[in-house]
């Protein structure tokens, strides 16, 4: 069912290996925000989308996308299927899905430097050297 975290994780994993492309919204290329948008759209969780963010972080436009479509989640309540949003020193700039593999937390995200969607161990810090700033859950998700 779309309102279960395992359904979100399975849908997100179907994007593994898809090439990275800034503001991409297809299986020919997707960026981190596009991955969240397209998984949500595929599952009927949200139709919201935005391209109001640049290649470099600036202002709060990037995180407004998530605030408009999802509910904030306190860290202790974060679970697989939730969206993690990271910030550099000043601004939100990257996002991905929290997943779990081998009983360990993982981050599934479109990685610009690796040029594709990947899933890798997550120990509280993003591999892009940015800090976790926000956690969100799609509407109607039961954790």
C-alpha atoms as a PDB file:
ATOM      1  CA  UNK A   1       0.000   0.000   0.000  1.00  0.00           C
ATOM      2  CA  UNK A   2       1.254   3.515  -0.779  1.00  0.00           C
ATOM      3  CA  UNK A   3       0.865   4.613   2.842  1.00  0.00           C
ATOM      4  CA  UNK A   4       3.472   2.188   4.161  1.00  0.00           C
ATOM      5  CA  UNK A   5       7.166   3.075   4.424  1.00  0.00           C
ATOM      6  CA  UNK A   6       8.191  -0.196   2.738  1.00  0.00           C
ATOM      7  CA  UNK A   7       6.221   0.789  -0.382  1.00  0.00           C
ATOM      8  CA  UNK A   8       8.045   4.121  -0.576  1.00  0.00           C
ATOM      9  CA  UNK A   9      11.431   2.452  -0.133  1.00  0.00           C
ATOM     10  CA  UNK A  10      10.647  -0.144  -2.822  1.00  0.00           C
ATOM     11  CA  UNK A  11       9.534   2.581  -5.248  1.00  0.00           C
ATOM     12  CA  UNK A  12      12.662   4.634  -4.515  1.00  0.00           C
ATOM     13  CA  UNK A  13      14.903   1.597  -5.037  1.00  0.00           C
ATOM     14  CA  UNK A  14      13.450   1.150  -8.515  1.00  0.00           C
ATOM     15  CA  UNK A  15      15.373   4.343  -9.394  1.00  0.00           C
ATOM     16  CA  UNK A  16      18.793   2.955  -8.392  1.00  0.00           C
ATOM     17  CA  UNK A  17      21.319   3.495 -11.180  1.00  0.00           C
ATOM     18  CA  UNK A  18      19.277   6.157 -13.005  1.00  0.00           C
ATOM     19  CA  UNK A  19      21.644   8.910 -14.212  1.00  0.00           C
ATOM     20  CA  UNK A  20      21.850  12.185 -12.276  1.00  0.00           C
ATOM     21  CA  UNK A  21      20.699  15.349 -14.063  1.00  0.00           C
ATOM     22  CA  UNK A  22      20.042  18.733 -12.433  1.00  0.00           C
ATOM     23  CA  UNK A  23      16.265  19.295 -12.247  1.00  0.00           C
ATOM     24  CA  UNK A  24      15.704  16.006 -14.071  1.00  0.00           C
ATOM     25  CA  UNK A  25      12.270  14.461 -13.799  1.00  0.00           C
ATOM     26  CA  UNK A  26      12.547  11.261 -15.881  1.00  0.00           C
ATOM     27  CA  UNK A  27      14.291   7.884 -15.781  1.00  0.00           C
ATOM     28  CA  UNK A  28      16.735   9.324 -18.308  1.00  0.00           C
ATOM     29  CA  UNK A  29      17.984  11.705 -15.602  1.00  0.00           C
ATOM     30  CA  UNK A  30      16.885  12.846 -12.162  1.00  0.00           C
ATOM     31  CA  UNK A  31      18.260  15.002  -9.362  1.00  0.00           C
ATOM     32  CA  UNK A  32      17.733  14.572  -5.632  1.00  0.00           C
ATOM     33  CA  UNK A  33      14.523  16.631  -5.475  1.00  0.00           C
ATOM     34  CA  UNK A  34      13.228  15.030  -8.665  1.00  0.00           C
ATOM     35  CA  UNK A  35      13.657  11.583  -7.123  1.00  0.00           C
ATOM     36  CA  UNK A  36      11.448  12.580  -4.188  1.00  0.00           C
ATOM     37  CA  UNK A  37       8.876  14.206  -6.500  1.00  0.00           C
ATOM     38  CA  UNK A  38       8.667  11.250  -8.884  1.00  0.00           C
ATOM     39  CA  UNK A  39       8.396   8.586  -6.182  1.00  0.00           C
ATOM     40  CA  UNK A  40       5.651  10.625  -4.499  1.00  0.00           C
ATOM     41  CA  UNK A  41       3.847  11.078  -7.800  1.00  0.00           C
ATOM     42  CA  UNK A  42       4.171   7.376  -8.701  1.00  0.00           C
ATOM     43  CA  UNK A  43       2.550   6.394  -5.398  1.00  0.00           C
ATOM     44  CA  UNK A  44      -0.106   9.103  -5.515  1.00  0.00           C
ATOM     45  CA  UNK A  45       1.254  10.730  -2.352  1.00  0.00           C
ATOM     46  CA  UNK A  46       1.695  14.216  -3.784  1.00  0.00           C
ATOM     47  CA  UNK A  47       1.476  15.986  -7.117  1.00  0.00           C
ATOM     48  CA  UNK A  48       3.566  18.940  -5.905  1.00  0.00           C
ATOM     49  CA  UNK A  49       6.721  19.831  -7.822  1.00  0.00           C
ATOM     50  CA  UNK A  50       8.994  22.830  -8.150  1.00  0.00           C
ATOM     51  CA  UNK A  51      11.984  23.939 -10.154  1.00  0.00           C
ATOM     52  CA  UNK A  52      12.529  26.970  -7.916  1.00  0.00           C
ATOM     53  CA  UNK A  53      16.059  26.011  -6.947  1.00  0.00           C
ATOM     54  CA  UNK A  54      19.392  26.585  -8.584  1.00  0.00           C
ATOM     55  CA  UNK A  55      22.483  24.465  -8.978  1.00  0.00           C
ATOM     56  CA  UNK A  56      24.011  26.193  -5.948  1.00  0.00           C
ATOM     57  CA  UNK A  57      22.125  26.518  -2.656  1.00  0.00           C
ATOM     58  CA  UNK A  58      20.618  29.924  -2.057  1.00  0.00           C
ATOM     59  CA  UNK A  59      17.904  30.891   0.393  1.00  0.00           C
ATOM     60  CA  UNK A  60      15.190  28.589   1.624  1.00  0.00           C
ATOM     61  CA  UNK A  61      13.534  27.862  -1.755  1.00  0.00           C
ATOM     62  CA  UNK A  62      14.765  24.275  -1.822  1.00  0.00           C
ATOM     63  CA  UNK A  63      13.249  23.339   1.534  1.00  0.00           C
ATOM     64  CA  UNK A  64       9.995  25.227   0.821  1.00  0.00           C
ATOM     65  CA  UNK A  65       9.259  22.508  -1.745  1.00  0.00           C
ATOM     66  CA  UNK A  66       9.148  19.898   1.030  1.00  0.00           C
ATOM     67  CA  UNK A  67       7.320  22.095   3.537  1.00  0.00           C
ATOM     68  CA  UNK A  68       4.558  22.659   0.983  1.00  0.00           C
ATOM     69  CA  UNK A  69       3.974  18.954   0.363  1.00  0.00           C
ATOM     70  CA  UNK A  70       4.999  17.086   3.529  1.00  0.00           C
ATOM     71  CA  UNK A  71       4.858  17.135   7.305  1.00  0.00           C
ATOM     72  CA  UNK A  72       7.968  17.751   9.417  1.00  0.00           C
ATOM     73  CA  UNK A  73       9.199  14.785  11.475  1.00  0.00           C
ATOM     74  CA  UNK A  74      11.259  14.968  14.704  1.00  0.00           C
ATOM     75  CA  UNK A  75      14.550  13.050  14.458  1.00  0.00           C
ATOM     76  CA  UNK A  76      13.636  10.313  16.954  1.00  0.00           C
ATOM     77  CA  UNK A  77      10.551   9.523  14.857  1.00  0.00           C
ATOM     78  CA  UNK A  78      12.321   9.331  11.468  1.00  0.00           C
ATOM     79  CA  UNK A  79      11.819   5.975   9.767  1.00  0.00           C
ATOM     80  CA  UNK A  80      12.539   4.361   6.393  1.00  0.00           C
ATOM     81  CA  UNK A  81      10.614   6.123   3.657  1.00  0.00           C
ATOM     82  CA  UNK A  82      11.032   9.556   5.247  1.00  0.00           C
ATOM     83  CA  UNK A  83      12.771  12.330   3.336  1.00  0.00           C
ATOM     84  CA  UNK A  84      15.963  13.789   4.792  1.00  0.00           C
ATOM     85  CA  UNK A  85      16.987  17.309   3.719  1.00  0.00           C
ATOM     86  CA  UNK A  86      20.564  18.442   4.211  1.00  0.00           C
ATOM     87  CA  UNK A  87      22.090  21.915   4.369  1.00  0.00           C
ATOM     88  CA  UNK A  88      25.560  23.292   3.765  1.00  0.00           C
ATOM     89  CA  UNK A  89      26.765  26.004   6.150  1.00  0.00           C
ATOM     90  CA  UNK A  90      23.798  28.231   5.306  1.00  0.00           C
ATOM     91  CA  UNK A  91      21.177  26.738   3.011  1.00  0.00           C
ATOM     92  CA  UNK A  92      19.266  23.520   2.322  1.00  0.00           C
ATOM     93  CA  UNK A  93      20.890  21.859  -0.662  1.00  0.00           C
ATOM     94  CA  UNK A  94      20.373  18.069  -0.874  1.00  0.00           C
ATOM     95  CA  UNK A  95      17.804  15.380  -0.058  1.00  0.00           C
ATOM     96  CA  UNK A  96      17.191  11.658  -0.127  1.00  0.00           C
ATOM     97  CA  UNK A  97      15.143   8.845   1.335  1.00  0.00           C
ATOM     98  CA  UNK A  98      16.019   7.207   4.622  1.00  0.00           C
ATOM     99  CA  UNK A  99      16.115   3.441   4.027  1.00  0.00           C
ATOM    100  CA  UNK A 100      17.302   0.399   5.925  1.00  0.00           C
ATOM    101  CA  UNK A 101      19.485  -2.455   4.725  1.00  0.00           C
ATOM    102  CA  UNK A 102      20.988  -5.219   6.871  1.00  0.00           C
ATOM    103  CA  UNK A 103      19.430  -3.557   9.942  1.00  0.00           C
ATOM    104  CA  UNK A 104      21.462  -0.386   9.275  1.00  0.00           C
ATOM    105  CA  UNK A 105      20.200   3.035   8.141  1.00  0.00           C
ATOM    106  CA  UNK A 106      20.968   3.956   4.540  1.00  0.00           C
ATOM    107  CA  UNK A 107      20.464   7.009   2.361  1.00  0.00           C
ATOM    108  CA  UNK A 108      18.985   6.563  -1.116  1.00  0.00           C
ATOM    109  CA  UNK A 109      19.636   9.680  -3.190  1.00  0.00           C
ATOM    110  CA  UNK A 110      20.595  11.072  -6.574  1.00  0.00           C
ATOM    111  CA  UNK A 111      24.304  11.792  -6.109  1.00  0.00           C
ATOM    112  CA  UNK A 112      25.693  14.518  -8.372  1.00  0.00           C
ATOM    113  CA  UNK A 113      29.342  13.510  -7.981  1.00  0.00           C
ATOM    114  CA  UNK A 114      28.642   9.829  -8.638  1.00  0.00           C
ATOM    115  CA  UNK A 115      26.296  10.837 -11.476  1.00  0.00           C
ATOM    116  CA  UNK A 116      23.484   8.432 -10.529  1.00  0.00           C
ATOM    117  CA  UNK A 117      20.939   7.345  -7.922  1.00  0.00           C
ATOM    118  CA  UNK A 118      22.637   5.313  -5.186  1.00  0.00           C
ATOM    119  CA  UNK A 119      21.903   3.769  -1.789  1.00  0.00           C
ATOM    120  CA  UNK A 120      24.662   3.861   0.794  1.00  0.00           C
ATOM    121  CA  UNK A 121      25.123   3.485   4.548  1.00  0.00           C
ATOM    122  CA  UNK A 122      23.989   6.510   6.533  1.00  0.00           C
ATOM    123  CA  UNK A 123      25.508   7.210   9.939  1.00  0.00           C
ATOM    124  CA  UNK A 124      23.982  10.630  10.559  1.00  0.00           C
ATOM    125  CA  UNK A 125      26.085  12.606   8.100  1.00  0.00           C
ATOM    126  CA  UNK A 126      25.570  12.980   4.392  1.00  0.00           C
ATOM    127  CA  UNK A 127      28.481  11.783   2.245  1.00  0.00           C
ATOM    128  CA  UNK A 128      28.395  15.180   0.513  1.00  0.00           C
ATOM    129  CA  UNK A 129      29.677  16.759   3.764  1.00  0.00           C
ATOM    130  CA  UNK A 130      26.464  18.647   4.465  1.00  0.00           C
ATOM    131  CA  UNK A 131      24.473  18.389   7.697  1.00  0.00           C
ATOM    132  CA  UNK A 132      21.003  16.976   8.255  1.00  0.00           C
ATOM    133  CA  UNK A 133      18.666  19.925   8.628  1.00  0.00           C
ATOM    134  CA  UNK A 134      15.080  18.669   8.134  1.00  0.00           C
ATOM    135  CA  UNK A 135      13.079  15.451   8.062  1.00  0.00           C
ATOM    136  CA  UNK A 136       9.755  15.101   6.271  1.00  0.00           C
ATOM    137  CA  UNK A 137       7.074  12.468   5.753  1.00  0.00           C
ATOM    138  CA  UNK A 138       4.564  12.344   2.933  1.00  0.00           C
ATOM    139  CA  UNK A 139       0.931  12.853   3.924  1.00  0.00           C
ATOM    140  CA  UNK A 140      -0.983   9.746   5.051  1.00  0.00           C
ATOM    141  CA  UNK A 141       2.145   7.667   5.735  1.00  0.00           C
ATOM    142  CA  UNK A 142       1.848   5.333   8.682  1.00  0.00           C
ATOM    143  CA  UNK A 143       5.192   4.763  10.356  1.00  0.00           C
END
